[in-house]
Amino acid sequence: RQMRRDYRKPLISFLNKKLLKLKEAGSSFADLNRDHYDTIIDDASVDL
């Protein structure tokens, strides 16, 4: 479990940072890739 947790924690933090950058970039760019990032978030939540 420790190995998996160590791998998942940085993965989630990386996704959060990327989402924050998208919000700062602008809603137009976020809307274009909204579906793509939503799927990644769903997969991360299922892994948890």
Foldseek 3Di string as FASTA:
>chain_A
DVVVVVVLVVVVVVLVVVVVVQVVVHPVSCVVCVVVSVVVVVVSVVVD
